[in-house]
Structure formats: C-alpha cells, structure tokens
N, C-alpha and C. Protein backbone atom coordinates (compact mmCIF):
# COMPACT_ATOMS: atom_id res chain seq x y z
N MET A 1 61.13 63.25 -13.22
CA MET A 1 61.79 63.32 -14.50
C MET A 1 61.73 64.77 -15.00
N ASN A 2 62.83 65.24 -15.55
CA ASN A 2 62.84 66.61 -16.05
C ASN A 2 62.29 66.65 -17.48
N ASP A 3 62.10 67.86 -18.00
CA ASP A 3 61.51 68.04 -19.32
C ASP A 3 62.35 67.40 -20.42
N GLN A 4 63.66 67.49 -20.29
CA GLN A 4 64.53 66.91 -21.31
C GLN A 4 64.41 65.38 -21.32
N ALA A 5 64.29 64.79 -20.16
CA ALA A 5 64.14 63.33 -20.07
C ALA A 5 62.79 62.90 -20.68
N TRP A 6 61.75 63.70 -20.43
CA TRP A 6 60.44 63.38 -21.02
C TRP A 6 60.48 63.51 -22.53
N GLU A 7 61.17 64.51 -23.02
CA GLU A 7 61.29 64.70 -24.46
C GLU A 7 62.01 63.52 -25.10
N LYS A 8 63.06 63.04 -24.44
CA LYS A 8 63.79 61.88 -24.93
C LYS A 8 62.89 60.64 -24.96
N MET A 9 62.13 60.44 -23.88
CA MET A 9 61.24 59.30 -23.80
C MET A 9 60.15 59.40 -24.87
N TYR A 10 59.63 60.59 -25.06
CA TYR A 10 58.60 60.81 -26.09
C TYR A 10 59.16 60.46 -27.47
N ASP A 11 60.34 60.98 -27.77
CA ASP A 11 60.97 60.70 -29.07
C ASP A 11 61.26 59.21 -29.25
N ALA A 12 61.68 58.56 -28.18
CA ALA A 12 62.06 57.16 -28.26
C ALA A 12 60.85 56.23 -28.42
N TYR A 13 59.73 56.55 -27.78
CA TYR A 13 58.62 55.61 -27.72
C TYR A 13 57.35 56.05 -28.44
N TYR A 14 57.33 57.25 -28.98
CA TYR A 14 56.08 57.73 -29.60
C TYR A 14 55.57 56.75 -30.66
N MET A 15 56.42 56.37 -31.60
CA MET A 15 55.97 55.52 -32.70
C MET A 15 55.54 54.14 -32.21
N ARG A 16 56.19 53.61 -31.22
CA ARG A 16 55.80 52.29 -30.70
C ARG A 16 54.44 52.36 -30.02
N VAL A 17 54.23 53.41 -29.23
CA VAL A 17 52.94 53.56 -28.56
C VAL A 17 51.84 53.86 -29.59
N TYR A 18 52.16 54.71 -30.56
CA TYR A 18 51.19 55.03 -31.61
C TYR A 18 50.83 53.77 -32.40
N SER A 19 51.81 52.96 -32.77
CA SER A 19 51.56 51.72 -33.50
C SER A 19 50.67 50.78 -32.68
N PHE A 20 50.95 50.71 -31.40
CA PHE A 20 50.14 49.88 -30.51
C PHE A 20 48.70 50.36 -30.48
N THR A 21 48.50 51.67 -30.31
CA THR A 21 47.13 52.19 -30.24
C THR A 21 46.43 52.09 -31.60
N MET A 22 47.19 52.23 -32.67
CA MET A 22 46.60 52.07 -34.01
C MET A 22 46.12 50.64 -34.21
N THR A 23 46.88 49.70 -33.69
CA THR A 23 46.47 48.29 -33.76
C THR A 23 45.20 48.07 -32.95
N LEU A 24 45.10 48.71 -31.81
CA LEU A 24 43.92 48.55 -30.96
C LEU A 24 42.66 49.12 -31.61
N CYS A 25 42.77 50.35 -32.13
CA CYS A 25 41.55 51.02 -32.55
C CYS A 25 41.35 51.09 -34.05
N GLY A 26 42.38 50.98 -34.84
CA GLY A 26 42.22 51.02 -36.29
C GLY A 26 41.77 52.36 -36.83
N ASP A 27 41.82 53.39 -36.03
CA ASP A 27 41.39 54.73 -36.43
C ASP A 27 42.54 55.69 -36.14
N GLN A 28 43.05 56.30 -37.19
CA GLN A 28 44.24 57.14 -37.06
C GLN A 28 44.01 58.30 -36.08
N ASN A 29 42.88 58.97 -36.19
CA ASN A 29 42.62 60.11 -35.31
C ASN A 29 42.53 59.68 -33.85
N LEU A 30 41.80 58.60 -33.61
CA LEU A 30 41.67 58.12 -32.23
C LEU A 30 43.03 57.65 -31.71
N ALA A 31 43.81 56.99 -32.55
CA ALA A 31 45.13 56.51 -32.14
C ALA A 31 46.03 57.69 -31.76
N GLU A 32 45.99 58.76 -32.54
CA GLU A 32 46.79 59.95 -32.22
C GLU A 32 46.34 60.56 -30.90
N ASP A 33 45.03 60.66 -30.71
CA ASP A 33 44.50 61.23 -29.46
C ASP A 33 44.91 60.39 -28.25
N VAL A 34 44.75 59.08 -28.38
CA VAL A 34 45.08 58.19 -27.26
C VAL A 34 46.58 58.25 -26.97
N THR A 35 47.39 58.30 -28.01
CA THR A 35 48.84 58.36 -27.83
C THR A 35 49.24 59.65 -27.11
N GLN A 36 48.69 60.77 -27.54
CA GLN A 36 49.00 62.04 -26.89
C GLN A 36 48.56 62.02 -25.43
N GLU A 37 47.35 61.52 -25.20
CA GLU A 37 46.85 61.45 -23.83
C GLU A 37 47.69 60.50 -22.98
N THR A 38 48.23 59.46 -23.61
CA THR A 38 49.08 58.50 -22.90
C THR A 38 50.31 59.21 -22.33
N PHE A 39 50.98 59.99 -23.17
CA PHE A 39 52.18 60.68 -22.70
C PHE A 39 51.84 61.76 -21.69
N SER A 40 50.72 62.41 -21.87
CA SER A 40 50.28 63.42 -20.91
C SER A 40 50.01 62.77 -19.55
N ARG A 41 49.30 61.65 -19.59
CA ARG A 41 48.98 60.93 -18.35
C ARG A 41 50.25 60.40 -17.70
N ALA A 42 51.17 59.90 -18.51
CA ALA A 42 52.43 59.36 -17.97
C ALA A 42 53.23 60.45 -17.27
N MET A 43 53.24 61.65 -17.85
CA MET A 43 53.97 62.76 -17.22
C MET A 43 53.37 63.09 -15.86
N SER A 44 52.04 63.12 -15.82
CA SER A 44 51.40 63.50 -14.56
C SER A 44 51.45 62.38 -13.52
N LYS A 45 51.61 61.14 -13.96
CA LYS A 45 51.64 60.00 -13.03
C LYS A 45 53.01 59.35 -12.94
N SER A 46 54.05 60.08 -13.32
CA SER A 46 55.39 59.49 -13.35
C SER A 46 55.84 58.96 -11.98
N ALA A 47 55.32 59.51 -10.93
CA ALA A 47 55.70 59.05 -9.59
C ALA A 47 55.20 57.63 -9.34
N SER A 48 54.14 57.22 -10.07
CA SER A 48 53.60 55.88 -9.86
C SER A 48 54.36 54.81 -10.63
N PHE A 49 55.28 55.22 -11.52
CA PHE A 49 56.09 54.24 -12.26
C PHE A 49 57.11 53.64 -11.32
N ARG A 50 57.02 52.30 -11.15
CA ARG A 50 57.85 51.62 -10.15
C ARG A 50 59.05 50.90 -10.76
N ASN A 51 59.33 51.10 -12.02
CA ASN A 51 60.45 50.45 -12.71
C ASN A 51 60.38 48.93 -12.65
N GLU A 52 59.17 48.38 -12.53
CA GLU A 52 59.00 46.93 -12.53
C GLU A 52 58.89 46.40 -13.95
N SER A 53 58.72 47.29 -14.92
CA SER A 53 58.64 46.89 -16.32
C SER A 53 59.36 47.95 -17.15
N ASP A 54 59.47 47.69 -18.44
CA ASP A 54 60.07 48.67 -19.34
C ASP A 54 59.17 49.89 -19.43
N GLU A 55 59.75 51.02 -19.76
CA GLU A 55 58.96 52.24 -19.90
C GLU A 55 57.91 52.08 -20.99
N VAL A 56 58.29 51.45 -22.11
CA VAL A 56 57.35 51.30 -23.21
C VAL A 56 56.18 50.39 -22.81
N THR A 57 56.44 49.39 -22.00
CA THR A 57 55.37 48.51 -21.53
C THR A 57 54.41 49.30 -20.65
N TRP A 58 54.94 50.13 -19.79
CA TRP A 58 54.13 50.99 -18.93
C TRP A 58 53.29 51.93 -19.78
N LEU A 59 53.90 52.55 -20.79
CA LEU A 59 53.19 53.47 -21.66
C LEU A 59 52.07 52.75 -22.43
N CYS A 60 52.36 51.56 -22.91
CA CYS A 60 51.34 50.80 -23.64
C CYS A 60 50.19 50.38 -22.72
N ALA A 61 50.48 50.09 -21.49
CA ALA A 61 49.42 49.77 -20.52
C ALA A 61 48.53 50.98 -20.30
N ILE A 62 49.13 52.14 -20.19
CA ILE A 62 48.34 53.38 -20.05
C ILE A 62 47.49 53.58 -21.30
N ALA A 63 48.10 53.40 -22.47
CA ALA A 63 47.38 53.58 -23.74
C ALA A 63 46.20 52.61 -23.83
N ARG A 64 46.42 51.38 -23.45
CA ARG A 64 45.35 50.38 -23.51
C ARG A 64 44.20 50.79 -22.59
N ASN A 65 44.52 51.22 -21.38
CA ASN A 65 43.48 51.64 -20.45
C ASN A 65 42.72 52.85 -20.97
N LEU A 66 43.43 53.80 -21.55
CA LEU A 66 42.77 54.97 -22.12
C LEU A 66 41.86 54.57 -23.28
N PHE A 67 42.32 53.66 -24.12
CA PHE A 67 41.51 53.18 -25.24
C PHE A 67 40.24 52.51 -24.72
N LEU A 68 40.38 51.65 -23.71
CA LEU A 68 39.21 50.96 -23.15
C LEU A 68 38.25 51.96 -22.52
N ASP A 69 38.78 52.97 -21.84
CA ASP A 69 37.93 54.01 -21.27
C ASP A 69 37.14 54.72 -22.37
N GLU A 70 37.81 55.02 -23.48
CA GLU A 70 37.17 55.70 -24.60
C GLU A 70 36.07 54.83 -25.20
N LYS A 71 36.34 53.55 -25.34
CA LYS A 71 35.32 52.63 -25.88
C LYS A 71 34.12 52.54 -24.95
N ARG A 72 34.36 52.50 -23.66
CA ARG A 72 33.26 52.47 -22.69
C ARG A 72 32.43 53.76 -22.78
N ARG A 73 33.13 54.88 -22.91
CA ARG A 73 32.44 56.16 -23.02
C ARG A 73 31.59 56.19 -24.28
N GLN A 74 32.13 55.72 -25.38
CA GLN A 74 31.39 55.70 -26.64
C GLN A 74 30.17 54.80 -26.55
N THR A 75 30.33 53.67 -25.87
CA THR A 75 29.22 52.73 -25.73
C THR A 75 28.09 53.34 -24.92
N ARG A 76 28.45 54.08 -23.87
CA ARG A 76 27.43 54.72 -23.04
C ARG A 76 26.69 55.81 -23.79
N THR A 77 27.39 56.53 -24.67
CA THR A 77 26.77 57.66 -25.34
C THR A 77 26.02 57.27 -26.60
N GLU A 78 26.29 56.09 -27.14
CA GLU A 78 25.56 55.65 -28.32
C GLU A 78 24.13 55.30 -27.93
N GLN A 79 23.22 55.64 -28.80
CA GLN A 79 21.83 55.34 -28.50
C GLN A 79 21.52 53.92 -28.92
N MET A 80 20.62 53.31 -28.18
CA MET A 80 20.20 51.96 -28.51
C MET A 80 19.34 51.99 -29.77
N PRO A 81 19.56 51.06 -30.67
CA PRO A 81 18.71 51.02 -31.85
C PRO A 81 17.29 50.62 -31.47
N GLU A 82 16.32 51.06 -32.26
CA GLU A 82 14.94 50.72 -31.93
C GLU A 82 14.70 49.23 -32.05
N GLU A 83 15.34 48.63 -33.04
CA GLU A 83 15.17 47.20 -33.24
C GLU A 83 16.53 46.52 -33.14
N ILE A 84 16.65 45.60 -32.23
CA ILE A 84 17.93 44.91 -32.04
C ILE A 84 18.02 43.80 -33.08
N PRO A 85 19.10 43.81 -33.87
CA PRO A 85 19.22 42.78 -34.89
C PRO A 85 19.44 41.40 -34.26
N SER A 86 18.94 40.40 -34.92
CA SER A 86 19.07 39.03 -34.43
C SER A 86 20.51 38.56 -34.56
N LYS A 87 21.01 37.92 -33.51
CA LYS A 87 22.37 37.40 -33.54
C LYS A 87 22.39 35.96 -34.06
N GLU A 88 21.21 35.39 -34.24
CA GLU A 88 21.15 34.03 -34.75
C GLU A 88 21.52 34.02 -36.23
N LYS A 89 22.30 33.05 -36.60
CA LYS A 89 22.72 32.94 -38.00
C LYS A 89 21.73 32.09 -38.76
N THR A 90 21.59 32.43 -40.00
CA THR A 90 20.71 31.64 -40.86
C THR A 90 21.40 30.32 -41.19
N PRO A 91 20.64 29.33 -41.63
CA PRO A 91 21.27 28.06 -42.02
C PRO A 91 22.33 28.25 -43.12
N GLU A 92 22.10 29.19 -44.03
CA GLU A 92 23.07 29.46 -45.09
C GLU A 92 24.38 29.99 -44.51
N GLN A 93 24.25 30.92 -43.55
CA GLN A 93 25.44 31.48 -42.91
C GLN A 93 26.21 30.41 -42.13
N LEU A 94 25.49 29.55 -41.44
CA LEU A 94 26.14 28.47 -40.69
C LEU A 94 26.88 27.53 -41.62
N THR A 95 26.28 27.21 -42.75
CA THR A 95 26.92 26.33 -43.73
C THR A 95 28.17 26.99 -44.30
N MET A 96 28.07 28.28 -44.62
CA MET A 96 29.22 29.00 -45.16
C MET A 96 30.34 29.07 -44.13
N ASP A 97 30.00 29.33 -42.87
CA ASP A 97 31.00 29.38 -41.81
C ASP A 97 31.69 28.03 -41.65
N ARG A 98 30.90 26.96 -41.68
CA ARG A 98 31.45 25.62 -41.54
C ARG A 98 32.38 25.30 -42.71
N ASP A 99 31.95 25.66 -43.93
CA ASP A 99 32.77 25.42 -45.11
C ASP A 99 34.08 26.21 -45.04
N SER A 100 33.99 27.47 -44.64
CA SER A 100 35.20 28.31 -44.53
C SER A 100 36.15 27.74 -43.48
N SER A 101 35.59 27.33 -42.37
CA SER A 101 36.41 26.77 -41.31
C SER A 101 37.11 25.50 -41.78
N PHE A 102 36.38 24.66 -42.50
CA PHE A 102 36.97 23.43 -43.02
C PHE A 102 38.09 23.73 -44.01
N ARG A 103 37.89 24.71 -44.89
CA ARG A 103 38.90 25.09 -45.87
C ARG A 103 40.16 25.62 -45.17
N ILE A 104 39.97 26.40 -44.12
CA ILE A 104 41.11 26.93 -43.36
C ILE A 104 41.88 25.79 -42.71
N HIS A 105 41.17 24.85 -42.10
CA HIS A 105 41.84 23.72 -41.45
C HIS A 105 42.56 22.83 -42.47
N MET A 106 41.98 22.67 -43.65
CA MET A 106 42.64 21.88 -44.69
C MET A 106 43.94 22.58 -45.13
N ALA A 107 43.88 23.89 -45.32
CA ALA A 107 45.07 24.64 -45.72
C ALA A 107 46.12 24.60 -44.60
N LEU A 108 45.67 24.70 -43.37
CA LEU A 108 46.60 24.65 -42.23
C LEU A 108 47.25 23.28 -42.13
N HIS A 109 46.47 22.24 -42.35
CA HIS A 109 47.00 20.87 -42.29
C HIS A 109 48.08 20.64 -43.36
N ALA A 110 47.95 21.32 -44.49
CA ALA A 110 48.89 21.14 -45.59
C ALA A 110 50.18 21.95 -45.39
N LEU A 111 50.23 22.83 -44.39
CA LEU A 111 51.43 23.63 -44.16
C LEU A 111 52.58 22.75 -43.66
N ASP A 112 53.76 23.08 -44.10
CA ASP A 112 54.96 22.37 -43.64
C ASP A 112 55.30 22.83 -42.22
N GLU A 113 56.04 21.98 -41.53
CA GLU A 113 56.58 22.36 -40.22
C GLU A 113 57.80 23.24 -40.46
N PRO A 114 58.13 24.17 -39.67
CA PRO A 114 57.56 24.54 -38.37
C PRO A 114 56.42 25.55 -38.49
N TYR A 115 56.05 25.88 -39.74
CA TYR A 115 55.04 26.92 -39.95
C TYR A 115 53.71 26.56 -39.30
N ARG A 116 53.26 25.32 -39.52
CA ARG A 116 51.98 24.92 -38.98
C ARG A 116 51.98 25.01 -37.45
N GLU A 117 53.00 24.45 -36.82
CA GLU A 117 53.02 24.44 -35.35
C GLU A 117 53.15 25.86 -34.79
N ALA A 118 53.98 26.68 -35.41
CA ALA A 118 54.14 28.06 -34.93
C ALA A 118 52.81 28.81 -35.06
N PHE A 119 52.11 28.61 -36.17
CA PHE A 119 50.81 29.25 -36.36
C PHE A 119 49.81 28.77 -35.32
N GLU A 120 49.74 27.45 -35.12
CA GLU A 120 48.79 26.89 -34.16
C GLU A 120 49.09 27.36 -32.73
N LEU A 121 50.37 27.41 -32.37
CA LEU A 121 50.73 27.87 -31.02
C LEU A 121 50.32 29.32 -30.81
N ARG A 122 50.49 30.13 -31.84
CA ARG A 122 50.16 31.55 -31.72
C ARG A 122 48.65 31.77 -31.70
N VAL A 123 47.93 31.15 -32.65
CA VAL A 123 46.50 31.41 -32.80
C VAL A 123 45.66 30.61 -31.81
N PHE A 124 45.88 29.32 -31.77
CA PHE A 124 45.04 28.47 -30.93
C PHE A 124 45.57 28.38 -29.50
N GLY A 125 46.89 28.36 -29.36
CA GLY A 125 47.49 28.28 -28.03
C GLY A 125 47.64 29.63 -27.36
N GLU A 126 47.49 30.71 -28.14
CA GLU A 126 47.59 32.09 -27.65
C GLU A 126 48.90 32.34 -26.91
N LEU A 127 49.98 31.77 -27.44
CA LEU A 127 51.30 31.96 -26.83
C LEU A 127 51.96 33.20 -27.42
N SER A 128 52.84 33.81 -26.65
CA SER A 128 53.61 34.95 -27.13
C SER A 128 54.71 34.45 -28.06
N PHE A 129 55.27 35.36 -28.85
CA PHE A 129 56.36 34.99 -29.73
C PHE A 129 57.57 34.51 -28.93
N ARG A 130 57.78 35.11 -27.79
CA ARG A 130 58.89 34.69 -26.93
C ARG A 130 58.70 33.24 -26.50
N GLU A 131 57.48 32.89 -26.10
CA GLU A 131 57.20 31.52 -25.67
C GLU A 131 57.34 30.53 -26.82
N ILE A 132 56.88 30.93 -28.00
CA ILE A 132 57.00 30.06 -29.18
C ILE A 132 58.47 29.84 -29.51
N GLY A 133 59.26 30.92 -29.48
CA GLY A 133 60.69 30.79 -29.73
C GLY A 133 61.35 29.86 -28.74
N THR A 134 60.95 29.96 -27.48
CA THR A 134 61.52 29.09 -26.43
C THR A 134 61.19 27.63 -26.70
N ILE A 135 59.96 27.35 -27.11
CA ILE A 135 59.57 25.97 -27.41
C ILE A 135 60.44 25.38 -28.51
N PHE A 136 60.74 26.17 -29.52
CA PHE A 136 61.55 25.69 -30.64
C PHE A 136 63.05 25.83 -30.39
N GLY A 137 63.43 26.47 -29.29
CA GLY A 137 64.84 26.69 -29.02
C GLY A 137 65.41 27.76 -29.93
N LYS A 138 64.58 28.70 -30.32
CA LYS A 138 64.97 29.77 -31.24
C LYS A 138 64.69 31.12 -30.57
N THR A 139 64.89 32.19 -31.33
CA THR A 139 64.68 33.53 -30.80
C THR A 139 63.22 33.96 -30.98
N GLU A 140 62.87 35.01 -30.28
CA GLU A 140 61.54 35.60 -30.43
C GLU A 140 61.35 36.10 -31.86
N ASN A 141 62.38 36.69 -32.42
CA ASN A 141 62.30 37.19 -33.79
C ASN A 141 62.06 36.05 -34.78
N TRP A 142 62.71 34.91 -34.57
CA TRP A 142 62.48 33.75 -35.42
C TRP A 142 61.01 33.35 -35.39
N ALA A 143 60.41 33.37 -34.20
CA ALA A 143 59.01 33.00 -34.04
C ALA A 143 58.11 33.98 -34.79
N ARG A 144 58.43 35.27 -34.73
CA ARG A 144 57.65 36.28 -35.45
C ARG A 144 57.70 36.04 -36.96
N VAL A 145 58.90 35.82 -37.46
CA VAL A 145 59.08 35.63 -38.90
C VAL A 145 58.38 34.34 -39.35
N THR A 146 58.53 33.28 -38.59
CA THR A 146 57.92 32.00 -38.94
C THR A 146 56.39 32.12 -38.94
N TYR A 147 55.83 32.77 -37.94
CA TYR A 147 54.39 32.98 -37.88
C TYR A 147 53.92 33.81 -39.08
N HIS A 148 54.64 34.87 -39.38
CA HIS A 148 54.28 35.74 -40.50
C HIS A 148 54.31 34.96 -41.81
N ARG A 149 55.34 34.16 -42.00
CA ARG A 149 55.43 33.34 -43.22
C ARG A 149 54.31 32.32 -43.28
N ALA A 150 53.95 31.75 -42.15
CA ALA A 150 52.84 30.79 -42.11
C ALA A 150 51.54 31.46 -42.53
N ARG A 151 51.31 32.68 -42.04
CA ARG A 151 50.10 33.41 -42.43
C ARG A 151 50.08 33.67 -43.93
N LEU A 152 51.23 34.06 -44.48
CA LEU A 152 51.30 34.31 -45.92
C LEU A 152 51.03 33.03 -46.71
N LYS A 153 51.60 31.92 -46.27
CA LYS A 153 51.38 30.64 -46.95
C LYS A 153 49.91 30.22 -46.88
N LEU A 154 49.29 30.43 -45.73
CA LEU A 154 47.86 30.12 -45.59
C LEU A 154 47.02 30.99 -46.53
N GLN A 155 47.33 32.27 -46.59
CA GLN A 155 46.59 33.16 -47.47
C GLN A 155 46.75 32.74 -48.92
N GLU A 156 47.97 32.37 -49.31
CA GLU A 156 48.21 31.91 -50.68
C GLU A 156 47.37 30.67 -50.99
N ARG A 157 47.36 29.72 -50.07
CA ARG A 157 46.59 28.49 -50.28
C ARG A 157 45.08 28.79 -50.35
N MET A 158 44.62 29.66 -49.48
CA MET A 158 43.19 30.01 -49.49
C MET A 158 42.81 30.71 -50.80
N ASN A 159 43.68 31.61 -51.26
CA ASN A 159 43.41 32.30 -52.53
C ASN A 159 43.46 31.34 -53.70
N ALA A 160 44.38 30.39 -53.67
CA ALA A 160 44.50 29.41 -54.75
C ALA A 160 43.26 28.50 -54.77
N ASP A 161 42.74 28.16 -53.60
CA ASP A 161 41.55 27.31 -53.53
C ASP A 161 40.30 28.02 -54.06
N GLU A 162 40.24 29.34 -53.90
CA GLU A 162 39.09 30.10 -54.39
C GLU A 162 39.07 30.16 -55.91
N ASN A 163 40.25 30.14 -56.52
CA ASN A 163 40.33 30.25 -57.98
C ASN A 163 40.15 28.94 -58.67
C-alpha cells in the first residue's frame, strides 16, 4: 500500500479504532497511544493482511492485541501488595448483591416485548446485534436501537424504584 492509501485508511478508520480502544481501556491517553500504535503496526504488517475481513476489523484486532499486551505489561510491572485483600464478601454485601439482582430481574420482567427479549439475548445470550436482528427478522440497527431503549427503560425503572 502506498502512503496515500494509508492516509486514506487512517482518515477513514481512525475514529472507529479510537472509539473501540476507548471502550476497551476507558483511558483517553492509553486509547490514543494504542490507536497510534495500531496504525503503525498495520503499516509495518500490511503484507500479512489477507483480505479475509474488513480493514477496520483487522485494525480493531490489532488494537485489541496491543491493549492486551499493554495490560499484561502493566500487570507484570505492578508490585504485589503486602497484604492481599480478601475476596470473600461479607454477609451484608451478599445480601445487598442478592437484593440488587432481584430488583434488576423484577424490572427486566416488567419490560415489554421486544425490549426484554432483545436485552436478554444480548446480555445473557451474548449474541451480536446482527444475530439478534436475524432472530427477529429485522436489521442489525433495529437490534441496536431496541437494546439501547431496553437499557434506558431498565435504568428508568431502577431509578424509580430507588425513589
């Protein structure tokens, strides 16, 4: 690929790759670093791109691997704390978790269809939006919007229950 083609690809996919890395790490500086390194790595490894997937999918795979490498590096360099905190939950924490879980399930049960099913398929079934859309005979975008609306409705119900 020539420099002009790389510049076009960078302009076309920078924000998508950056958004993806920002979602992964939640840190703007790290996301920018990983995104820049992603494009640098892609340029140097362009011969390994086999056109079996979209360019943006390939770039996001590189970004994900770079992010995981960075997390592994950070884990190795962090010092172990002198005292390891207990992972066991107190009875109060267990009761609160159980109560919260029950409240969430009650709010989810009260959701109208197709919101409830779309939410359950996404969260519990771990299906992609494309797969959810296919199940309903709708588009991937429809599945995204329906899931987003279901989340908003759940949040509204949870907030209303707290008040």
